Amino acid sequence: MTTEKAPMIIVDSLLGGAGRASGAVAIIDVFRAFTTAAVALANHASKIVMVGSVQEALALRDAGIVQACMGEVGGVMPPGFDFGNSPFEVATHDFGGQAVAQRTSAGTQGIVAASGADALYASSLVTARCTARALAAARPACITLVAMGHEGVERTDEDELCALHLRNLLEGRAGDAEAVRRVILAGKEAARFLDPSSGHGHPRDLDIALDIDRYDFAVRVTIEGGRPVGRMEVRG
């Protein structure tokens, strides 16, 4: 009788980590890209086409490949976009089966960079447990968890802690979701949501992003027409 070997789990960070990632990969962006993507999918977006530039997102909408653009540059919604990078904003909108292009400064850049992934997920705390389950179900030799941080160049508490929380789940521990939430709330990134002068987004974005396991699906990313596309993946 043979015992199945547990996968090697690598925790990495930033754009360099995304480029190095292999095996089953979770690209993590809690504030706010992949929280926003999950909310859009829960609100009946058919898919999220993840792109590296504003121009590509707008071109996809002009070509009718997507019907809406959402995201940010420097935290601000680009001219011509339909939605910013705000889970609270998209939580009030029913996408009615529309396809959405998403461009952000960290999360979607990491997805585009993760060309070495065998299975790829766009992850945040709202989909944490389902993402861990999906990564494990792929039965990979290696799982890579990449915390994207601020614009892919500076580590942030929320993404690093999400990666550690996923690692706990993958290694069979229950994790401590409330402790994760408390530590993030004590950090500087969370404080920016509560500062009206920061321009960092709606204060309610924070409530949604830290609603751990809000959704019972993972966001699976596959390459379609040469582009990474996120869709809802539900597992029993």
C-alpha atoms as a PDB file:
ATOM      1  CA  MET A   1       0.000   0.000   0.000  1.00  0.00           C
ATOM      2  CA  THR A   2       1.353   3.417  -0.946  1.00  0.00           C
ATOM      3  CA  THR A   3       0.694   6.691   0.811  1.00  0.00           C
ATOM      4  CA  GLU A   4       0.097   9.699  -1.420  1.00  0.00           C
ATOM      5  CA  LYS A   5       2.817  12.287  -0.922  1.00  0.00           C
ATOM      6  CA  ALA A   6       1.655  15.695   0.266  1.00  0.00           C
ATOM      7  CA  PRO A   7       2.418  18.521  -2.173  1.00  0.00           C
ATOM      8  CA  MET A   8       5.256  20.898  -1.502  1.00  0.00           C
ATOM      9  CA  ILE A   9       3.771  24.278  -0.560  1.00  0.00           C
ATOM     10  CA  ILE A  10       5.692  27.418  -1.484  1.00  0.00           C
ATOM     11  CA  VAL A  11       4.711  30.848  -0.160  1.00  0.00           C
ATOM     12  CA  ASP A  12       6.069  33.613  -2.373  1.00  0.00           C
ATOM     13  CA  SER A  13       5.372  37.279  -3.004  1.00  0.00           C
ATOM     14  CA  LEU A  14       5.030  40.077  -5.532  1.00  0.00           C
ATOM     15  CA  LEU A  15       5.491  40.062  -9.288  1.00  0.00           C
ATOM     16  CA  GLY A  16       8.715  38.101  -9.052  1.00  0.00           C
ATOM     17  CA  GLY A  17       6.909  35.384  -7.120  1.00  0.00           C
ATOM     18  CA  ALA A  18       4.171  35.247  -9.735  1.00  0.00           C
ATOM     19  CA  GLY A  19       6.773  34.786 -12.450  1.00  0.00           C
ATOM     20  CA  ARG A  20       8.434  31.959 -10.491  1.00  0.00           C
ATOM     21  CA  ALA A  21       5.203  30.191  -9.544  1.00  0.00           C
ATOM     22  CA  SER A  22       4.695  26.589 -10.622  1.00  0.00           C
ATOM     23  CA  GLY A  23       2.296  23.742 -10.032  1.00  0.00           C
ATOM     24  CA  ALA A  24      -1.140  24.702  -8.739  1.00  0.00           C
ATOM     25  CA  VAL A  25      -0.954  28.455  -8.143  1.00  0.00           C
ATOM     26  CA  ALA A  26      -3.028  30.951  -6.192  1.00  0.00           C
ATOM     27  CA  ILE A  27      -2.376  34.606  -6.995  1.00  0.00           C
ATOM     28  CA  ILE A  28      -3.612  36.539  -3.955  1.00  0.00           C
ATOM     29  CA  ASP A  29      -5.010  40.087  -3.953  1.00  0.00           C
ATOM     30  CA  VAL A  30      -7.295  40.784  -0.996  1.00  0.00           C
ATOM     31  CA  PHE A  31      -7.362  44.622  -1.252  1.00  0.00           C
ATOM     32  CA  ARG A  32      -9.072  44.548  -3.677  1.00  0.00           C
ATOM     33  CA  ALA A  33      -8.773  42.926  -7.083  1.00  0.00           C
ATOM     34  CA  PHE A  34      -9.812  39.374  -6.411  1.00  0.00           C
ATOM     35  CA  THR A  35     -12.363  40.317  -3.792  1.00  0.00           C
ATOM     36  CA  THR A  36     -13.939  42.522  -6.466  1.00  0.00           C
ATOM     37  CA  ALA A  37     -13.704  39.744  -9.069  1.00  0.00           C
ATOM     38  CA  ALA A  38     -15.425  37.276  -6.726  1.00  0.00           C
ATOM     39  CA  VAL A  39     -18.220  39.743  -5.977  1.00  0.00           C
ATOM     40  CA  ALA A  40     -18.757  40.350  -9.699  1.00  0.00           C
ATOM     41  CA  LEU A  41     -18.981  36.618 -10.394  1.00  0.00           C
ATOM     42  CA  ALA A  42     -21.385  36.160  -7.485  1.00  0.00           C
ATOM     43  CA  ASN A  43     -23.471  38.943  -9.021  1.00  0.00           C
ATOM     44  CA  HIS A  44     -23.819  37.033 -12.283  1.00  0.00           C
ATOM     45  CA  ALA A  45     -20.842  38.162 -14.343  1.00  0.00           C
ATOM     46  CA  SER A  46     -20.213  35.293 -16.760  1.00  0.00           C
ATOM     47  CA  LYS A  47     -16.433  35.657 -16.687  1.00  0.00           C
ATOM     48  CA  ILE A  48     -13.606  38.027 -15.785  1.00  0.00           C
ATOM     49  CA  VAL A  49     -11.029  38.613 -18.517  1.00  0.00           C
ATOM     50  CA  MET A  50      -7.868  39.675 -16.677  1.00  0.00           C
ATOM     51  CA  VAL A  51      -5.595  42.030 -18.578  1.00  0.00           C
ATOM     52  CA  GLY A  52      -2.409  43.969 -18.030  1.00  0.00           C
ATOM     53  CA  SER A  53      -3.396  47.345 -19.453  1.00  0.00           C
ATOM     54  CA  VAL A  54      -6.244  49.831 -19.555  1.00  0.00           C
ATOM     55  CA  GLN A  55      -6.026  49.943 -23.348  1.00  0.00           C
ATOM     56  CA  GLU A  56      -6.530  46.198 -23.663  1.00  0.00           C
ATOM     57  CA  ALA A  57      -9.584  46.285 -21.409  1.00  0.00           C
ATOM     58  CA  LEU A  58     -11.168  49.101 -23.407  1.00  0.00           C
ATOM     59  CA  ALA A  59     -10.346  47.382 -26.706  1.00  0.00           C
ATOM     60  CA  LEU A  60     -12.049  44.189 -25.532  1.00  0.00           C
ATOM     61  CA  ARG A  61     -15.188  46.160 -24.693  1.00  0.00           C
ATOM     62  CA  ASP A  62     -15.089  48.008 -28.024  1.00  0.00           C
ATOM     63  CA  ALA A  63     -14.825  44.648 -29.812  1.00  0.00           C
ATOM     64  CA  GLY A  64     -17.813  43.264 -27.900  1.00  0.00           C
ATOM     65  CA  ILE A  65     -15.733  40.536 -26.245  1.00  0.00           C
ATOM     66  CA  VAL A  66     -16.647  41.990 -22.862  1.00  0.00           C
ATOM     67  CA  GLN A  67     -19.463  44.329 -21.922  1.00  0.00           C
ATOM     68  CA  ALA A  68     -17.887  46.131 -18.963  1.00  0.00           C
ATOM     69  CA  CYS A  69     -14.474  47.233 -17.687  1.00  0.00           C
ATOM     70  CA  MET A  70     -13.488  47.420 -14.037  1.00  0.00           C
ATOM     71  CA  GLY A  71     -10.278  48.126 -12.192  1.00  0.00           C
ATOM     72  CA  GLU A  72      -7.783  50.806 -11.289  1.00  0.00           C
ATOM     73  CA  VAL A  73      -4.500  52.529 -11.977  1.00  0.00           C
ATOM     74  CA  GLY A  74      -2.877  53.887  -8.843  1.00  0.00           C
ATOM     75  CA  GLY A  75      -6.039  53.002  -6.951  1.00  0.00           C
ATOM     76  CA  VAL A  76      -8.238  55.207  -9.183  1.00  0.00           C
ATOM     77  CA  MET A  77     -10.761  54.073 -11.808  1.00  0.00           C
ATOM     78  CA  PRO A  78      -9.331  54.834 -15.278  1.00  0.00           C
ATOM     79  CA  PRO A  79     -11.276  57.120 -17.634  1.00  0.00           C
ATOM     80  CA  GLY A  80     -13.760  55.131 -19.702  1.00  0.00           C
ATOM     81  CA  PHE A  81     -14.097  52.271 -17.211  1.00  0.00           C
ATOM     82  CA  ASP A  82     -17.517  51.263 -15.910  1.00  0.00           C
ATOM     83  CA  PHE A  83     -16.445  50.299 -12.393  1.00  0.00           C
ATOM     84  CA  GLY A  84     -13.519  50.947 -10.118  1.00  0.00           C
ATOM     85  CA  ASN A  85     -11.693  48.317  -8.106  1.00  0.00           C
ATOM     86  CA  SER A  86     -14.378  48.338  -5.405  1.00  0.00           C
ATOM     87  CA  PRO A  87     -16.187  45.248  -4.155  1.00  0.00           C
ATOM     88  CA  PHE A  88     -18.793  47.456  -2.503  1.00  0.00           C
ATOM     89  CA  GLU A  89     -19.493  49.238  -5.785  1.00  0.00           C
ATOM     90  CA  VAL A  90     -19.989  46.047  -7.787  1.00  0.00           C
ATOM     91  CA  ALA A  91     -21.961  44.407  -4.939  1.00  0.00           C
ATOM     92  CA  THR A  92     -24.919  46.617  -5.849  1.00  0.00           C
ATOM     93  CA  HIS A  93     -24.850  45.701  -9.551  1.00  0.00           C
ATOM     94  CA  ASP A  94     -26.344  42.649 -11.262  1.00  0.00           C
ATOM     95  CA  PHE A  95     -24.119  41.878 -14.246  1.00  0.00           C
ATOM     96  CA  GLY A  96     -26.798  39.711 -15.835  1.00  0.00           C
ATOM     97  CA  GLY A  97     -24.390  37.360 -17.599  1.00  0.00           C
ATOM     98  CA  GLN A  98     -22.064  40.065 -18.914  1.00  0.00           C
ATOM     99  CA  ALA A  99     -18.371  39.417 -19.427  1.00  0.00           C
ATOM    100  CA  VAL A 100     -16.073  41.843 -17.610  1.00  0.00           C
ATOM    101  CA  ALA A 101     -12.493  42.952 -18.310  1.00  0.00           C
ATOM    102  CA  GLN A 102     -10.426  43.656 -15.198  1.00  0.00           C
ATOM    103  CA  ARG A 103      -7.163  45.574 -14.972  1.00  0.00           C
ATOM    104  CA  THR A 104      -5.462  46.253 -11.635  1.00  0.00           C
ATOM    105  CA  SER A 105      -1.977  47.222 -10.522  1.00  0.00           C
ATOM    106  CA  ALA A 106      -1.211  44.014  -8.620  1.00  0.00           C
ATOM    107  CA  GLY A 107      -3.675  41.142  -8.959  1.00  0.00           C
ATOM    108  CA  THR A 108      -4.230  40.980 -12.698  1.00  0.00           C
ATOM    109  CA  GLN A 109      -0.543  41.696 -13.307  1.00  0.00           C
ATOM    110  CA  GLY A 110       0.274  38.625 -11.223  1.00  0.00           C
ATOM    111  CA  ILE A 111      -2.190  36.493 -13.166  1.00  0.00           C
ATOM    112  CA  VAL A 112      -0.648  37.604 -16.463  1.00  0.00           C
ATOM    113  CA  ALA A 113       2.850  36.882 -15.094  1.00  0.00           C
ATOM    114  CA  ALA A 114       2.020  33.379 -13.789  1.00  0.00           C
ATOM    115  CA  SER A 115       2.769  31.600 -17.048  1.00  0.00           C
ATOM    116  CA  GLY A 116       4.309  28.584 -15.292  1.00  0.00           C
ATOM    117  CA  ALA A 117       1.109  27.548 -13.503  1.00  0.00           C
ATOM    118  CA  ASP A 118      -0.479  24.176 -14.254  1.00  0.00           C
ATOM    119  CA  ALA A 119      -3.687  25.242 -12.496  1.00  0.00           C
ATOM    120  CA  LEU A 120      -4.314  28.883 -11.653  1.00  0.00           C
ATOM    121  CA  TYR A 121      -6.632  30.597  -9.158  1.00  0.00           C
ATOM    122  CA  ALA A 122      -7.338  34.254  -8.375  1.00  0.00           C
ATOM    123  CA  SER A 123      -7.598  34.232  -4.611  1.00  0.00           C
ATOM    124  CA  SER A 124      -8.710  36.409  -1.722  1.00  0.00           C
ATOM    125  CA  LEU A 125     -10.089  35.851   1.752  1.00  0.00           C
ATOM    126  CA  VAL A 126     -13.706  35.777   0.559  1.00  0.00           C
ATOM    127  CA  THR A 127     -12.935  32.546  -1.329  1.00  0.00           C
ATOM    128  CA  ALA A 128     -10.180  31.162   0.913  1.00  0.00           C
ATOM    129  CA  ARG A 129     -11.521  27.774   1.951  1.00  0.00           C
ATOM    130  CA  CYS A 130     -12.864  26.922  -1.489  1.00  0.00           C
ATOM    131  CA  THR A 131      -9.580  27.981  -3.081  1.00  0.00           C
ATOM    132  CA  ALA A 132      -7.628  25.702  -0.730  1.00  0.00           C
ATOM    133  CA  ARG A 133      -9.986  22.841  -1.545  1.00  0.00           C
ATOM    134  CA  ALA A 134      -9.593  23.439  -5.278  1.00  0.00           C
ATOM    135  CA  LEU A 135      -5.792  23.619  -5.081  1.00  0.00           C
ATOM    136  CA  ALA A 136      -5.656  20.347  -3.177  1.00  0.00           C
ATOM    137  CA  ALA A 137      -8.089  18.656  -5.556  1.00  0.00           C
ATOM    138  CA  ALA A 138      -5.672  19.189  -8.427  1.00  0.00           C
ATOM    139  CA  ARG A 139      -3.309  16.725  -6.626  1.00  0.00           C
ATOM    140  CA  PRO A 140      -0.231  18.683  -7.655  1.00  0.00           C
ATOM    141  CA  ALA A 141       3.337  17.958  -6.667  1.00  0.00           C
ATOM    142  CA  CYS A 142       3.701  21.655  -5.841  1.00  0.00           C
ATOM    143  CA  ILE A 143       1.349  24.417  -4.711  1.00  0.00           C
ATOM    144  CA  THR A 144       2.528  28.037  -4.918  1.00  0.00           C
ATOM    145  CA  LEU A 145       0.774  30.801  -2.988  1.00  0.00           C
ATOM    146  CA  VAL A 146       1.740  34.278  -4.200  1.00  0.00           C
ATOM    147  CA  ALA A 147       0.875  37.352  -2.127  1.00  0.00           C
ATOM    148  CA  MET A 148       0.813  40.232  -4.607  1.00  0.00           C
ATOM    149  CA  GLY A 149       1.008  43.150  -2.154  1.00  0.00           C
ATOM    150  CA  HIS A 150       0.902  46.808  -3.165  1.00  0.00           C
ATOM    151  CA  GLU A 151       1.234  47.156  -6.944  1.00  0.00           C
ATOM    152  CA  GLY A 152       3.183  43.894  -7.002  1.00  0.00           C
ATOM    153  CA  VAL A 153       6.305  45.484  -5.510  1.00  0.00           C
ATOM    154  CA  GLU A 154       5.657  45.957  -1.767  1.00  0.00           C
ATOM    155  CA  ARG A 155       4.457  43.289   0.648  1.00  0.00           C
ATOM    156  CA  THR A 156       1.217  43.937   2.520  1.00  0.00           C
ATOM    157  CA  ASP A 157      -0.276  42.304   5.606  1.00  0.00           C
ATOM    158  CA  GLU A 158      -3.552  41.225   4.052  1.00  0.00           C
ATOM    159  CA  ASP A 159      -2.054  39.276   1.157  1.00  0.00           C
ATOM    160  CA  GLU A 160       0.763  37.725   3.200  1.00  0.00           C
ATOM    161  CA  LEU A 161      -1.698  36.631   5.901  1.00  0.00           C
ATOM    162  CA  CYS A 162      -4.110  35.250   3.317  1.00  0.00           C
ATOM    163  CA  ALA A 163      -1.256  33.126   1.957  1.00  0.00           C
ATOM    164  CA  LEU A 164      -0.442  31.793   5.431  1.00  0.00           C
ATOM    165  CA  HIS A 165      -4.130  31.125   6.100  1.00  0.00           C
ATOM    166  CA  LEU A 166      -4.348  29.140   2.845  1.00  0.00           C
ATOM    167  CA  ARG A 167      -1.232  27.197   3.820  1.00  0.00           C
ATOM    168  CA  ASN A 168      -2.810  26.260   7.156  1.00  0.00           C
ATOM    169  CA  LEU A 169      -5.922  24.999   5.377  1.00  0.00           C
ATOM    170  CA  LEU A 170      -3.885  23.075   2.815  1.00  0.00           C
ATOM    171  CA  GLU A 171      -1.863  21.396   5.564  1.00  0.00           C
ATOM    172  CA  GLY A 172      -5.030  20.231   7.305  1.00  0.00           C
ATOM    173  CA  ARG A 173      -5.276  22.831  10.048  1.00  0.00           C
ATOM    174  CA  ALA A 174      -8.417  24.807  10.695  1.00  0.00           C
ATOM    175  CA  GLY A 175      -6.664  28.151  10.647  1.00  0.00           C
ATOM    176  CA  ASP A 176      -7.927  31.125  12.652  1.00  0.00           C
ATOM    177  CA  ALA A 177      -9.955  33.381  10.412  1.00  0.00           C
ATOM    178  CA  GLU A 178     -10.795  35.839  13.179  1.00  0.00           C
ATOM    179  CA  ALA A 179      -7.142  36.231  14.141  1.00  0.00           C
ATOM    180  CA  VAL A 180      -6.266  36.882  10.500  1.00  0.00           C
ATOM    181  CA  ARG A 181      -8.976  39.514  10.345  1.00  0.00           C
ATOM    182  CA  ARG A 182      -7.824  41.235  13.551  1.00  0.00           C
ATOM    183  CA  VAL A 183      -4.199  41.472  12.457  1.00  0.00           C
ATOM    184  CA  ILE A 184      -5.177  42.925   9.083  1.00  0.00           C
ATOM    185  CA  LEU A 185      -7.454  45.495  10.740  1.00  0.00           C
ATOM    186  CA  ALA A 186      -4.527  46.598  12.910  1.00  0.00           C
ATOM    187  CA  GLY A 187      -2.339  47.292   9.866  1.00  0.00           C
ATOM    188  CA  LYS A 188      -1.725  50.345   7.715  1.00  0.00           C
ATOM    189  CA  GLU A 189      -3.510  49.083   4.605  1.00  0.00           C
ATOM    190  CA  ALA A 190      -6.808  48.699   6.470  1.00  0.00           C
ATOM    191  CA  ALA A 191      -6.431  52.173   7.956  1.00  0.00           C
ATOM    192  CA  ARG A 192      -6.342  53.690   4.478  1.00  0.00           C
ATOM    193  CA  PHE A 193      -9.936  52.599   3.845  1.00  0.00           C
ATOM    194  CA  LEU A 194     -11.072  54.632   6.841  1.00  0.00           C
ATOM    195  CA  ASP A 195      -9.181  57.786   5.826  1.00  0.00           C
ATOM    196  CA  PRO A 196     -11.393  59.907   3.528  1.00  0.00           C
ATOM    197  CA  SER A 197      -8.349  61.766   2.203  1.00  0.00           C
ATOM    198  CA  SER A 198      -6.570  58.616   1.012  1.00  0.00           C
ATOM    199  CA  GLY A 199      -8.737  58.051  -2.075  1.00  0.00           C
ATOM    200  CA  HIS A 200      -8.275  54.345  -1.344  1.00  0.00           C
ATOM    201  CA  GLY A 201     -11.838  53.215  -1.865  1.00  0.00           C
ATOM    202  CA  HIS A 202     -15.120  52.929  -0.048  1.00  0.00           C
ATOM    203  CA  PRO A 203     -14.922  52.058   3.674  1.00  0.00           C
ATOM    204  CA  ARG A 204     -17.374  49.220   3.026  1.00  0.00           C
ATOM    205  CA  ASP A 205     -14.783  47.615   0.730  1.00  0.00           C
ATOM    206  CA  LEU A 206     -12.959  46.643   3.905  1.00  0.00           C
ATOM    207  CA  ASP A 207     -16.007  44.896   5.374  1.00  0.00           C
ATOM    208  CA  ILE A 208     -16.459  42.770   2.256  1.00  0.00           C
ATOM    209  CA  ALA A 209     -12.763  41.970   1.763  1.00  0.00           C
ATOM    210  CA  LEU A 210     -12.484  40.680   5.335  1.00  0.00           C
ATOM    211  CA  ASP A 211     -15.698  38.632   5.220  1.00  0.00           C
ATOM    212  CA  ILE A 212     -13.672  35.420   5.177  1.00  0.00           C
ATOM    213  CA  ASP A 213     -15.287  32.544   3.231  1.00  0.00           C
ATOM    214  CA  ARG A 214     -18.137  34.782   2.112  1.00  0.00           C
ATOM    215  CA  TYR A 215     -18.467  32.667  -1.052  1.00  0.00           C
ATOM    216  CA  ASP A 216     -18.669  28.931  -1.690  1.00  0.00           C
ATOM    217  CA  PHE A 217     -16.650  29.009  -4.908  1.00  0.00           C
ATOM    218  CA  ALA A 218     -13.101  29.526  -6.083  1.00  0.00           C
ATOM    219  CA  VAL A 219     -12.104  31.739  -9.017  1.00  0.00           C
ATOM    220  CA  ARG A 220     -10.430  29.413 -11.535  1.00  0.00           C
ATOM    221  CA  VAL A 221      -8.383  31.073 -14.257  1.00  0.00           C
ATOM    222  CA  THR A 222      -7.841  29.391 -17.618  1.00  0.00           C
ATOM    223  CA  ILE A 223      -6.350  30.682 -20.857  1.00  0.00           C
ATOM    224  CA  GLU A 224      -9.001  31.384 -23.479  1.00  0.00           C
ATOM    225  CA  GLY A 225      -8.069  33.035 -26.754  1.00  0.00           C
ATOM    226  CA  GLY A 226      -4.631  33.763 -25.362  1.00  0.00           C
ATOM    227  CA  ARG A 227      -5.944  35.634 -22.327  1.00  0.00           C
ATOM    228  CA  PRO A 228      -6.473  34.588 -18.699  1.00  0.00           C
ATOM    229  CA  VAL A 229     -10.171  34.274 -17.902  1.00  0.00           C
ATOM    230  CA  GLY A 230     -11.613  33.831 -14.414  1.00  0.00           C
ATOM    231  CA  ARG A 231     -14.766  31.850 -13.824  1.00  0.00           C
ATOM    232  CA  MET A 232     -16.614  30.565 -10.802  1.00  0.00           C
ATOM    233  CA  GLU A 233     -15.581  27.013  -9.827  1.00  0.00           C
ATOM    234  CA  VAL A 234     -17.867  25.287  -7.334  1.00  0.00           C
ATOM    235  CA  ARG A 235     -16.819  22.084  -5.594  1.00  0.00           C
ATOM    236  CA  GLY A 236     -18.906  19.860  -3.353  1.00  0.00           C
END
